[in-house]
Amino acid sequence: MNPAPEKLLKTFPNPEPKRAYEIAIESPEFTCVCPMTGNPDFAILRITYSPAKLCVELKSLKLYLFGFRNLGTFHEAVTNRILDNLVALLHPRTMTIVSDWNIRGGLHTVVTVRHGAR
């Protein structure tokens, strides 16, 4: 994995910075590796944000998310890391990230992290 996948992220100016609106992005094939077993973990990753001055460029976001494929990390850690990186990049009004993980061992995990007022 790239040691700093956040460097892959690019932005473009928000075309309507005075208007509060929401952007929703879904990545149905997010993958990382369980640090306990070494097995792959799969999730649907949902990113919802209200941009301020900047929007994330989608191809760069896709490449950034691909950078986690071989990373051993817990569900909670990777979800929070993605939020931290995107908030640092975009400074959005609000952002919510939901990682909805495939069932493993009979357990279904959903991690939700937020930035800003709801």
C-alpha atoms as a PDB file:
ATOM      1  CA  MET A   1       0.000   0.000   0.000  1.00  0.00           C
ATOM      2  CA  ASN A   2       1.091   3.516  -0.674  1.00  0.00           C
ATOM      3  CA  PRO A   3       2.349   4.818   2.699  1.00  0.00           C
ATOM      4  CA  ALA A   4       0.334   8.027   2.252  1.00  0.00           C
ATOM      5  CA  PRO A   5      -2.770   7.243   0.168  1.00  0.00           C
ATOM      6  CA  GLU A   6      -4.252  10.619   1.083  1.00  0.00           C
ATOM      7  CA  LYS A   7      -1.700  12.166  -1.308  1.00  0.00           C
ATOM      8  CA  LEU A   8      -3.724  10.615  -4.150  1.00  0.00           C
ATOM      9  CA  LEU A   9      -6.773  12.740  -3.303  1.00  0.00           C
ATOM     10  CA  LYS A  10      -7.551  15.724  -5.504  1.00  0.00           C
ATOM     11  CA  THR A  11     -10.183  18.440  -5.312  1.00  0.00           C
ATOM     12  CA  PHE A  12     -12.006  20.912  -7.502  1.00  0.00           C
ATOM     13  CA  PRO A  13     -13.798  24.146  -6.554  1.00  0.00           C
ATOM     14  CA  ASN A  14     -17.370  23.790  -5.345  1.00  0.00           C
ATOM     15  CA  PRO A  15     -19.487  25.236  -8.186  1.00  0.00           C
ATOM     16  CA  GLU A  16     -22.118  26.484  -5.691  1.00  0.00           C
ATOM     17  CA  PRO A  17     -20.252  27.402  -2.470  1.00  0.00           C
ATOM     18  CA  LYS A  18     -23.045  29.669  -1.175  1.00  0.00           C
ATOM     19  CA  ARG A  19     -25.643  26.888  -1.337  1.00  0.00           C
ATOM     20  CA  ALA A  20     -25.809  24.103   1.238  1.00  0.00           C
ATOM     21  CA  TYR A  21     -26.306  20.834  -0.620  1.00  0.00           C
ATOM     22  CA  GLU A  22     -25.312  17.215  -0.156  1.00  0.00           C
ATOM     23  CA  ILE A  23     -23.129  14.871  -2.190  1.00  0.00           C
ATOM     24  CA  ALA A  24     -23.500  11.117  -1.677  1.00  0.00           C
ATOM     25  CA  ILE A  25     -20.883   8.662  -2.944  1.00  0.00           C
ATOM     26  CA  GLU A  26     -21.057   4.884  -2.626  1.00  0.00           C
ATOM     27  CA  SER A  27     -18.200   2.432  -3.077  1.00  0.00           C
ATOM     28  CA  PRO A  28     -19.772  -1.050  -3.106  1.00  0.00           C
ATOM     29  CA  GLU A  29     -16.459  -2.925  -3.274  1.00  0.00           C
ATOM     30  CA  PHE A  30     -14.305  -1.406  -0.526  1.00  0.00           C
ATOM     31  CA  THR A  31     -11.677  -3.871   0.679  1.00  0.00           C
ATOM     32  CA  CYS A  32      -9.055  -4.057   3.400  1.00  0.00           C
ATOM     33  CA  VAL A  33      -7.479  -6.928   5.362  1.00  0.00           C
ATOM     34  CA  CYS A  34      -8.391  -8.189   8.833  1.00  0.00           C
ATOM     35  CA  PRO A  35      -5.315  -7.597  11.031  1.00  0.00           C
ATOM     36  CA  MET A  36      -6.181 -10.629  13.167  1.00  0.00           C
ATOM     37  CA  THR A  37      -6.700 -13.275  10.463  1.00  0.00           C
ATOM     38  CA  GLY A  38      -5.126 -11.783   7.342  1.00  0.00           C
ATOM     39  CA  ASN A  39      -8.369 -12.473   5.462  1.00  0.00           C
ATOM     40  CA  PRO A  40      -9.913  -9.824   3.221  1.00  0.00           C
ATOM     41  CA  ASP A  41     -12.818  -7.787   4.566  1.00  0.00           C
ATOM     42  CA  PHE A  42     -15.396  -6.295   2.208  1.00  0.00           C
ATOM     43  CA  ALA A  43     -17.717  -3.355   2.788  1.00  0.00           C
ATOM     44  CA  ILE A  44     -20.065  -0.957   1.126  1.00  0.00           C
ATOM     45  CA  LEU A  45     -18.607   2.456   1.920  1.00  0.00           C
ATOM     46  CA  ARG A  46     -20.995   5.428   1.859  1.00  0.00           C
ATOM     47  CA  ILE A  47     -19.641   8.967   1.976  1.00  0.00           C
ATOM     48  CA  THR A  48     -22.099  11.833   2.356  1.00  0.00           C
ATOM     49  CA  TYR A  49     -20.967  15.426   2.696  1.00  0.00           C
ATOM     50  CA  SER A  50     -22.013  19.024   2.332  1.00  0.00           C
ATOM     51  CA  PRO A  51     -19.140  20.812   0.598  1.00  0.00           C
ATOM     52  CA  ALA A  52     -17.860  24.229   1.570  1.00  0.00           C
ATOM     53  CA  LYS A  53     -15.233  25.493  -0.905  1.00  0.00           C
ATOM     54  CA  LEU A  54     -14.004  22.174  -2.313  1.00  0.00           C
ATOM     55  CA  CYS A  55     -15.358  18.881  -3.697  1.00  0.00           C
ATOM     56  CA  VAL A  56     -13.432  15.621  -3.970  1.00  0.00           C
ATOM     57  CA  GLU A  57     -12.515  14.497  -7.483  1.00  0.00           C
ATOM     58  CA  LEU A  58     -14.005  11.033  -7.945  1.00  0.00           C
ATOM     59  CA  LYS A  59     -11.189   9.255  -9.808  1.00  0.00           C
ATOM     60  CA  SER A  60      -8.709  10.298  -7.147  1.00  0.00           C
ATOM     61  CA  LEU A  61     -11.130   9.107  -4.447  1.00  0.00           C
ATOM     62  CA  LYS A  62     -11.413   5.720  -6.180  1.00  0.00           C
ATOM     63  CA  LEU A  63      -7.618   5.348  -6.317  1.00  0.00           C
ATOM     64  CA  TYR A  64      -7.327   6.428  -2.681  1.00  0.00           C
ATOM     65  CA  LEU A  65      -9.881   3.815  -1.594  1.00  0.00           C
ATOM     66  CA  PHE A  66      -8.106   1.125  -3.655  1.00  0.00           C
ATOM     67  CA  GLY A  67      -5.002   1.909  -1.585  1.00  0.00           C
ATOM     68  CA  PHE A  68      -6.568   0.158   1.404  1.00  0.00           C
ATOM     69  CA  ARG A  69      -6.886  -3.246  -0.316  1.00  0.00           C
ATOM     70  CA  ASN A  70      -3.766  -4.722   1.268  1.00  0.00           C
ATOM     71  CA  LEU A  71      -3.803  -2.768   4.517  1.00  0.00           C
ATOM     72  CA  GLY A  72      -4.346  -4.709   7.742  1.00  0.00           C
ATOM     73  CA  THR A  73      -6.740  -2.578   9.767  1.00  0.00           C
ATOM     74  CA  PHE A  74      -9.808  -2.795  11.933  1.00  0.00           C
ATOM     75  CA  HIS A  75     -13.187  -1.627  10.587  1.00  0.00           C
ATOM     76  CA  GLU A  76     -13.379   1.201  13.107  1.00  0.00           C
ATOM     77  CA  ALA A  77      -9.860   2.426  12.380  1.00  0.00           C
ATOM     78  CA  VAL A  78     -10.158   2.532   8.604  1.00  0.00           C
ATOM     79  CA  THR A  79     -13.543   4.274   8.698  1.00  0.00           C
ATOM     80  CA  ASN A  80     -12.188   6.974  11.018  1.00  0.00           C
ATOM     81  CA  ARG A  81      -8.999   7.337   8.968  1.00  0.00           C
ATOM     82  CA  ILE A  82     -10.981   7.954   5.783  1.00  0.00           C
ATOM     83  CA  LEU A  83     -13.113  10.576   7.558  1.00  0.00           C
ATOM     84  CA  ASP A  84     -10.017  12.296   8.985  1.00  0.00           C
ATOM     85  CA  ASN A  85      -8.290  12.398   5.588  1.00  0.00           C
ATOM     86  CA  LEU A  86     -11.333  13.716   3.729  1.00  0.00           C
ATOM     87  CA  VAL A  87     -12.132  16.342   6.365  1.00  0.00           C
ATOM     88  CA  ALA A  88      -8.505  17.544   6.320  1.00  0.00           C
ATOM     89  CA  LEU A  89      -8.634  17.784   2.521  1.00  0.00           C
ATOM     90  CA  LEU A  90     -12.085  19.301   1.980  1.00  0.00           C
ATOM     91  CA  HIS A  91     -13.047  21.139   5.190  1.00  0.00           C
ATOM     92  CA  PRO A  92     -16.707  20.274   4.497  1.00  0.00           C
ATOM     93  CA  ARG A  93     -19.675  21.735   6.324  1.00  0.00           C
ATOM     94  CA  THR A  94     -20.654  18.202   7.349  1.00  0.00           C
ATOM     95  CA  MET A  95     -19.541  14.693   6.479  1.00  0.00           C
ATOM     96  CA  THR A  96     -20.734  11.218   7.392  1.00  0.00           C
ATOM     97  CA  ILE A  97     -19.036   7.977   6.450  1.00  0.00           C
ATOM     98  CA  VAL A  98     -20.756   4.622   6.881  1.00  0.00           C
ATOM     99  CA  SER A  99     -18.881   1.368   6.353  1.00  0.00           C
ATOM    100  CA  ASP A 100     -21.297  -1.566   6.074  1.00  0.00           C
ATOM    101  CA  TRP A 101     -19.220  -4.752   6.348  1.00  0.00           C
ATOM    102  CA  ASN A 102     -20.051  -8.161   4.942  1.00  0.00           C
ATOM    103  CA  ILE A 103     -21.085 -10.710   7.539  1.00  0.00           C
ATOM    104  CA  ARG A 104     -18.209 -12.628   9.051  1.00  0.00           C
ATOM    105  CA  GLY A 105     -18.654 -15.354  11.645  1.00  0.00           C
ATOM    106  CA  GLY A 106     -22.351 -14.567  11.890  1.00  0.00           C
ATOM    107  CA  LEU A 107     -21.760 -10.918  12.850  1.00  0.00           C
ATOM    108  CA  HIS A 108     -22.706  -7.890  10.768  1.00  0.00           C
ATOM    109  CA  THR A 109     -20.800  -4.681  11.542  1.00  0.00           C
ATOM    110  CA  VAL A 110     -21.729  -1.142  10.501  1.00  0.00           C
ATOM    111  CA  VAL A 111     -19.442   1.735  11.513  1.00  0.00           C
ATOM    112  CA  THR A 112     -20.735   5.334  11.252  1.00  0.00           C
ATOM    113  CA  VAL A 113     -18.477   8.360  11.814  1.00  0.00           C
ATOM    114  CA  ARG A 114     -19.435  12.026  11.529  1.00  0.00           C
ATOM    115  CA  HIS A 115     -17.926  15.471  11.240  1.00  0.00           C
ATOM    116  CA  GLY A 116     -19.821  18.711  11.815  1.00  0.00           C
ATOM    117  CA  ALA A 117     -23.371  19.421  12.870  1.00  0.00           C
ATOM    118  CA  ARG A 118     -26.164  17.145  11.733  1.00  0.00           C
END
